[in-house]
Amino acid sequence: MRSLLRALPLLLLSLAVHAAGPDRRIAVTIDDLPWARVDKITPPDLQARHQALQQQLRRAGVPVIGFVNESKLEVDGQVRPERVQMLRDWLDAGYELGNHTYSHMDLNAQGVAAFQQDFLRGEQQLRPLLAERGQVPRYMRHPYLRAGRTPEDRALMDTFYAVHGYRIAPVTVDNGEWVWAFAYANVMNEQPAGPAREAVLERLRKGYVPYMLNKVDYYEQQSQVLLGYALPQVWLMHANELNAATFAELVAATKRRGYRFISLDEALRDPAYARGSEGYNGRFGPSWLHRWAMAEKKPKEFYAGEPTVPAWVMQLAKVESE
């Protein structure tokens, strides 16, 4: 009886934790600043869409880190002050900025030497911009999530990042958000204004949020199976028209799923991230959860069931694959 009484507090704690459910936390990262596909937008539209995204971010009120492609600051090879100001708007709002390379270069395709040059070129505006506020760039994000095709290349790059004061920003909740965004922007830019266009845009907005939630659910399940608990997730998004219309709604819907929004710093304190980008040597860029599963040689069935972008969205986006 005494042993049972001694064990009772631990049993009650276990029951309480089980009843509370998983500790759902997620960090938002937004790539391709100042704007994805910036070359396809006229200057007045760019400013209006940027302001709309900033308004959505303010409404959502969650931590965000954005990743900059400095080539998108230029027009005809010249840095445009109004585009640099777009980055200042992010900083003024309290968001952190990181390095996404100058030209959105594919490390797996171009190799270590070329990537390192492009990466350093990608901090020529960013580093002094942050220095104005007593900050330095701390995080980098791989374009296409392509982190190196061999363990040797990844080791070389890990040393390079450390020398220059960067830490990799991984992605666990990978998704086809960019496909939905291509579709949304194509409709905005190519169809005449009116009820027909608005109906398509509304259909995209209403489909996008459930799709993204389904991705979060899928990767939470993957985390539970692989790690035995709900990993603090890192969510990939981009600076685009679709998020400028839906980001606050997406955040609210995710909160209704029981998630708390946290900083990237907090997410990466979880020890699972110490595994880095091990496990994958192909040419693409899968979720870090799937890289770790590959390192453990999980069977093909482990990866089944991932939500996909509907065919009608792919058609509007004018892409053949995610």
Protein backbone atom coordinates (compact mmCIF):
# COMPACT_ATOMS: atom_id res chain seq x y z
CA MET A 1 0.00 0.00 0.00
CA ARG A 2 2.84 2.40 0.86
CA SER A 3 4.47 1.81 -2.53
CA LEU A 4 1.15 2.48 -4.23
CA LEU A 5 0.76 5.75 -2.34
CA ARG A 6 4.31 6.78 -3.24
CA ALA A 7 3.61 6.07 -6.90
CA LEU A 8 0.28 7.92 -6.93
CA PRO A 9 1.67 11.45 -7.59
CA LEU A 10 3.61 10.20 -10.62
CA LEU A 11 0.56 8.35 -11.89
CA LEU A 12 -1.60 11.45 -11.52
CA LEU A 13 1.02 13.55 -13.32
CA SER A 14 1.15 11.04 -16.17
CA LEU A 15 -2.64 11.07 -16.46
CA ALA A 16 -2.70 14.87 -16.46
CA VAL A 17 -0.08 15.08 -19.22
CA HIS A 18 -1.96 12.50 -21.27
CA ALA A 19 -5.24 14.35 -20.79
CA ALA A 20 -3.67 17.64 -21.82
CA GLY A 21 -2.58 16.16 -25.16
CA PRO A 22 0.58 16.96 -27.10
CA ASP A 23 2.47 20.20 -26.62
CA ARG A 24 1.75 21.76 -30.00
CA ARG A 25 4.16 24.57 -30.90
CA ILE A 26 5.09 26.00 -34.27
CA ALA A 27 7.43 28.68 -35.65
CA VAL A 28 6.65 30.65 -38.81
CA THR A 29 9.37 31.33 -41.38
CA ILE A 30 8.70 33.39 -44.51
CA ASP A 31 11.05 33.11 -47.51
CA ASP A 32 11.84 35.16 -50.62
CA LEU A 33 11.79 38.66 -49.15
CA PRO A 34 11.14 41.35 -50.10
CA TRP A 35 8.64 39.54 -52.35
CA ALA A 36 8.36 36.27 -54.24
CA ARG A 37 8.22 36.68 -58.05
CA VAL A 38 8.83 40.38 -57.56
CA ASP A 39 9.68 40.82 -61.25
CA LYS A 40 6.07 40.09 -62.22
CA ILE A 41 4.54 43.01 -60.27
CA THR A 42 4.38 46.72 -61.10
CA PRO A 43 5.81 49.05 -58.41
CA PRO A 44 2.45 50.40 -57.17
CA ASP A 45 1.02 46.89 -56.89
CA LEU A 46 4.16 45.67 -55.12
CA GLN A 47 3.88 48.32 -52.44
CA ALA A 48 0.16 47.68 -51.94
CA ARG A 49 0.67 43.93 -51.64
CA HIS A 50 3.59 44.38 -49.27
CA GLN A 51 1.47 46.62 -47.05
CA ALA A 52 -1.35 44.06 -47.14
CA LEU A 53 1.03 41.33 -45.93
CA GLN A 54 2.35 43.57 -43.17
CA GLN A 55 -1.23 44.21 -42.06
CA GLN A 56 -1.92 40.47 -41.99
CA LEU A 57 1.21 39.90 -39.91
CA ARG A 58 0.15 42.59 -37.43
CA ARG A 59 -3.32 41.08 -37.13
CA ALA A 60 -1.87 37.63 -36.49
CA GLY A 61 0.52 38.92 -33.83
CA VAL A 62 2.91 35.95 -33.83
CA PRO A 63 6.72 35.68 -34.02
CA VAL A 64 8.05 35.58 -37.59
CA ILE A 65 11.45 35.42 -39.24
CA GLY A 66 11.86 36.40 -42.90
CA PHE A 67 14.59 35.27 -45.29
CA VAL A 68 15.97 37.69 -47.88
CA ASN A 69 17.06 37.21 -51.50
CA GLU A 70 19.07 40.36 -52.19
CA SER A 71 18.71 40.03 -55.96
CA LYS A 72 15.06 40.93 -55.40
CA LEU A 73 16.17 44.32 -54.06
CA GLU A 74 17.53 45.24 -57.50
CA VAL A 75 16.10 46.52 -60.76
CA ASP A 76 18.46 46.33 -63.74
CA GLY A 77 21.35 45.61 -61.38
CA GLN A 78 20.72 48.62 -59.13
CA VAL A 79 19.53 48.37 -55.54
CA ARG A 80 16.20 50.15 -55.20
CA PRO A 81 15.77 52.13 -51.94
CA GLU A 82 12.03 51.46 -51.86
CA ARG A 83 12.69 47.72 -51.80
CA VAL A 84 15.25 48.07 -49.04
CA GLN A 85 12.58 50.03 -47.18
CA MET A 86 10.34 46.96 -47.43
CA LEU A 87 12.95 45.11 -45.36
CA ARG A 88 13.06 47.99 -42.89
CA ASP A 89 9.30 47.61 -42.52
CA TRP A 90 9.85 44.01 -41.38
CA LEU A 91 12.46 45.14 -38.87
CA ASP A 92 10.32 48.04 -37.67
CA ALA A 93 7.56 45.53 -36.94
CA GLY A 94 9.93 43.53 -34.74
CA TYR A 95 10.60 40.60 -37.07
CA GLU A 96 13.99 39.02 -37.58
CA LEU A 97 15.65 38.74 -41.00
CA GLY A 98 17.96 36.00 -42.27
CA ASN A 99 19.95 35.14 -45.40
CA HIS A 100 18.31 33.17 -48.23
CA THR A 101 21.25 33.74 -50.64
CA TYR A 102 21.55 36.48 -53.24
CA SER A 103 19.95 34.73 -56.19
CA HIS A 104 17.97 31.88 -54.59
CA MET A 105 20.74 29.50 -55.68
CA ASP A 106 20.32 25.73 -55.65
CA LEU A 107 23.25 24.33 -53.65
CA ASN A 108 22.66 20.81 -54.93
CA ALA A 109 22.85 21.95 -58.56
CA GLN A 110 25.59 24.58 -58.35
CA GLY A 111 27.96 23.10 -55.78
CA VAL A 112 29.69 24.37 -52.65
CA ALA A 113 32.07 26.98 -54.13
CA ALA A 114 29.47 28.82 -56.21
CA PHE A 115 26.92 28.65 -53.41
CA GLN A 116 29.30 30.15 -50.87
CA GLN A 117 29.98 33.12 -53.14
CA ASP A 118 26.28 33.66 -53.77
CA PHE A 119 25.52 33.34 -50.07
CA LEU A 120 28.02 36.02 -49.06
CA ARG A 121 26.71 38.27 -51.82
CA GLY A 122 23.33 37.81 -50.16
CA GLU A 123 24.38 39.70 -47.02
CA GLN A 124 25.80 42.83 -48.66
CA GLN A 125 22.66 44.83 -47.89
CA LEU A 126 21.36 42.67 -45.07
CA ARG A 127 24.34 42.86 -42.75
CA PRO A 128 24.63 46.70 -42.68
CA LEU A 129 20.85 47.00 -42.49
CA LEU A 130 20.82 44.87 -39.36
CA ALA A 131 23.89 46.67 -37.99
CA GLU A 132 21.84 49.89 -37.92
CA ARG A 133 19.87 48.22 -35.12
CA GLY A 134 22.78 46.54 -33.38
CA GLN A 135 21.90 43.18 -34.91
CA VAL A 136 23.67 40.61 -37.07
CA PRO A 137 22.19 37.94 -39.34
CA ARG A 138 21.90 34.69 -37.37
CA TYR A 139 19.95 32.28 -39.58
CA MET A 140 20.17 31.04 -43.15
CA ARG A 141 17.56 29.18 -45.20
CA HIS A 142 18.47 26.91 -48.10
CA PRO A 143 16.65 27.77 -51.34
CA TYR A 144 14.43 24.84 -52.32
CA LEU A 145 15.52 23.31 -48.95
CA ARG A 146 18.48 21.79 -50.80
CA ALA A 147 21.23 21.42 -48.23
CA GLY A 148 23.95 19.48 -50.10
CA ARG A 149 24.05 16.16 -51.90
CA THR A 150 26.75 14.44 -49.85
CA PRO A 151 27.70 14.29 -46.17
CA GLU A 152 31.03 15.86 -47.16
CA ASP A 153 29.36 18.86 -48.82
CA ARG A 154 27.04 19.33 -45.86
CA ALA A 155 29.99 19.22 -43.47
CA LEU A 156 31.84 21.85 -45.54
CA MET A 157 28.77 24.07 -45.50
CA ASP A 158 28.21 23.58 -41.76
CA THR A 159 31.73 24.87 -41.14
CA PHE A 160 31.18 27.76 -43.54
CA TYR A 161 27.95 28.81 -41.81
CA ALA A 162 29.58 28.62 -38.38
CA VAL A 163 32.55 30.74 -39.48
CA HIS A 164 30.17 33.44 -40.70
CA GLY A 165 27.90 33.29 -37.66
CA TYR A 166 24.90 31.52 -39.16
CA ARG A 167 22.70 28.64 -38.10
CA ILE A 168 20.58 26.67 -40.56
CA ALA A 169 16.84 27.31 -40.34
CA PRO A 170 15.35 23.88 -41.04
CA VAL A 171 11.82 23.15 -42.21
CA THR A 172 9.69 20.38 -40.78
CA VAL A 173 6.26 21.41 -42.15
CA ASP A 174 7.09 21.45 -45.85
CA ASN A 175 4.21 22.15 -48.21
CA GLY A 176 3.04 23.29 -51.63
CA GLU A 177 2.05 26.75 -50.42
CA TRP A 178 4.05 28.22 -53.28
CA VAL A 179 1.81 26.42 -55.80
CA TRP A 180 -1.34 27.89 -54.25
CA ALA A 181 0.39 31.29 -54.27
CA PHE A 182 1.35 31.00 -57.95
CA ALA A 183 -2.27 30.19 -58.74
CA TYR A 184 -3.55 33.11 -56.67
CA ALA A 185 -1.13 35.62 -58.23
CA ASN A 186 -1.82 34.34 -61.74
CA VAL A 187 -5.55 34.90 -61.28
CA MET A 188 -4.95 38.38 -59.81
CA ASN A 189 -2.58 39.41 -62.60
CA GLU A 190 -4.19 37.77 -65.63
CA GLN A 191 -7.96 37.74 -65.17
CA PRO A 192 -10.04 40.91 -65.48
CA ALA A 193 -11.41 42.32 -62.25
CA GLY A 194 -14.98 41.34 -61.54
CA PRO A 195 -17.22 38.73 -59.91
CA ALA A 196 -15.75 35.81 -61.88
CA ARG A 197 -12.20 36.57 -60.80
CA GLU A 198 -13.22 37.16 -57.20
CA ALA A 199 -15.03 33.83 -57.12
CA VAL A 200 -11.83 32.01 -58.14
CA LEU A 201 -9.76 33.95 -55.63
CA GLU A 202 -12.28 33.14 -52.90
CA ARG A 203 -12.14 29.45 -53.80
CA LEU A 204 -8.35 29.54 -53.52
CA ARG A 205 -8.45 31.32 -50.16
CA LYS A 206 -10.98 28.86 -48.77
CA GLY A 207 -9.02 25.87 -50.02
CA TYR A 208 -5.60 27.08 -48.95
CA VAL A 209 -6.18 27.24 -45.19
CA PRO A 210 -7.52 23.66 -44.81
CA TYR A 211 -4.71 22.39 -47.06
CA MET A 212 -2.08 24.00 -44.83
CA LEU A 213 -3.75 22.67 -41.68
CA ASN A 214 -3.77 19.18 -43.18
CA LYS A 215 -0.02 19.51 -43.76
CA VAL A 216 0.50 20.52 -40.13
CA ASP A 217 -1.57 17.51 -38.99
CA TYR A 218 0.45 15.20 -41.24
CA TYR A 219 3.82 16.35 -39.96
CA GLU A 220 2.63 16.26 -36.36
CA GLN A 221 1.74 12.60 -36.92
CA GLN A 222 5.12 12.00 -38.58
CA SER A 223 6.82 13.53 -35.55
CA GLN A 224 4.86 11.38 -33.13
CA VAL A 225 5.75 8.20 -35.03
CA LEU A 226 9.41 9.07 -35.59
CA LEU A 227 10.28 10.84 -32.33
CA GLY A 228 7.54 9.76 -29.95
CA TYR A 229 6.30 13.30 -29.28
CA ALA A 230 5.05 16.46 -31.00
CA LEU A 231 8.18 18.23 -32.20
CA PRO A 232 8.11 22.06 -32.08
CA GLN A 233 7.56 22.51 -35.81
CA VAL A 234 9.11 24.97 -38.28
CA TRP A 235 6.65 26.08 -40.96
CA LEU A 236 7.68 27.22 -44.45
CA MET A 237 5.81 30.07 -46.16
CA HIS A 238 6.67 32.87 -48.59
CA ALA A 239 6.08 36.60 -49.03
CA ASN A 240 3.26 36.49 -51.57
CA GLU A 241 -0.23 37.66 -52.45
CA LEU A 242 -1.97 34.66 -50.94
CA ASN A 243 -0.48 35.15 -47.50
CA ALA A 244 -1.20 38.87 -47.85
CA ALA A 245 -4.87 37.85 -47.97
CA THR A 246 -5.02 34.89 -45.58
CA PHE A 247 -2.15 34.80 -43.07
CA ALA A 248 -4.13 36.02 -40.06
CA GLU A 249 -6.93 33.55 -40.79
CA LEU A 250 -4.40 30.72 -41.15
CA VAL A 251 -2.83 31.59 -37.80
CA ALA A 252 -6.22 31.74 -36.09
CA ALA A 253 -7.22 28.36 -37.54
CA THR A 254 -3.91 26.84 -36.41
CA LYS A 255 -4.46 28.16 -32.90
CA ARG A 256 -7.86 26.46 -32.90
CA ARG A 257 -5.93 23.23 -33.57
CA GLY A 258 -4.23 23.79 -30.21
CA TYR A 259 -0.94 25.24 -31.46
CA ARG A 260 1.07 27.99 -29.82
CA PHE A 261 3.22 30.14 -32.09
CA ILE A 262 6.81 30.42 -30.96
CA SER A 263 10.07 31.90 -32.20
CA LEU A 264 12.50 29.93 -34.34
CA ASP A 265 14.95 30.20 -31.44
CA GLU A 266 12.53 28.38 -29.14
CA ALA A 267 11.70 25.68 -31.68
CA LEU A 268 15.36 24.87 -32.29
CA ARG A 269 16.02 24.32 -28.59
CA ASP A 270 14.45 20.92 -29.04
CA PRO A 271 17.27 18.34 -29.09
CA ALA A 272 15.96 16.64 -32.25
CA TYR A 273 17.29 19.53 -34.33
CA ALA A 274 20.85 18.66 -33.30
CA ARG A 275 20.61 15.92 -35.94
CA GLY A 276 20.95 18.59 -38.62
CA SER A 277 20.13 17.75 -42.24
CA GLU A 278 21.46 14.19 -42.16
CA GLY A 279 19.86 11.33 -44.01
CA TYR A 280 19.15 12.62 -47.53
CA ASN A 281 21.57 12.79 -50.48
CA GLY A 282 19.14 13.34 -53.34
CA ARG A 283 18.68 16.44 -55.46
CA PHE A 284 15.47 17.68 -53.86
CA GLY A 285 14.70 19.24 -50.47
CA PRO A 286 12.40 17.23 -48.18
CA SER A 287 11.25 18.07 -44.67
CA TRP A 288 13.86 17.62 -41.96
CA LEU A 289 11.54 15.06 -40.35
CA HIS A 290 11.74 12.99 -43.51
CA ARG A 291 15.52 13.40 -43.68
CA TRP A 292 15.80 11.98 -40.18
CA ALA A 293 13.45 9.15 -41.13
CA MET A 294 15.69 8.34 -44.10
CA ALA A 295 18.71 8.27 -41.78
CA GLU A 296 16.85 5.63 -39.79
CA LYS A 297 15.94 3.78 -43.02
CA LYS A 298 12.22 3.95 -42.37
CA PRO A 299 10.16 1.92 -44.86
CA LYS A 300 8.32 3.52 -47.77
CA GLU A 301 5.04 3.23 -45.87
CA PHE A 302 6.26 5.77 -43.30
CA TYR A 303 5.97 8.60 -45.85
CA ALA A 304 2.49 7.70 -47.09
CA GLY A 305 -0.53 9.94 -46.76
CA GLU A 306 1.02 13.38 -47.25
CA PRO A 307 -1.61 15.86 -48.50
CA THR A 308 -1.15 17.06 -52.07
CA VAL A 309 -2.15 20.19 -53.97
CA PRO A 310 -5.40 19.65 -55.92
CA ALA A 311 -5.15 19.37 -59.71
CA TRP A 312 -7.28 22.47 -60.29
CA VAL A 313 -4.83 24.57 -58.26
CA MET A 314 -1.87 23.11 -60.16
CA GLN A 315 -3.59 24.08 -63.40
CA LEU A 316 -4.12 27.66 -62.27
CA ALA A 317 -0.52 27.80 -61.04
CA LYS A 318 0.75 26.54 -64.43
CA VAL A 319 3.05 24.00 -62.80
CA GLU A 320 3.26 20.24 -63.35
CA SER A 321 4.61 19.16 -59.98
CA GLU A 322 4.97 20.45 -56.44
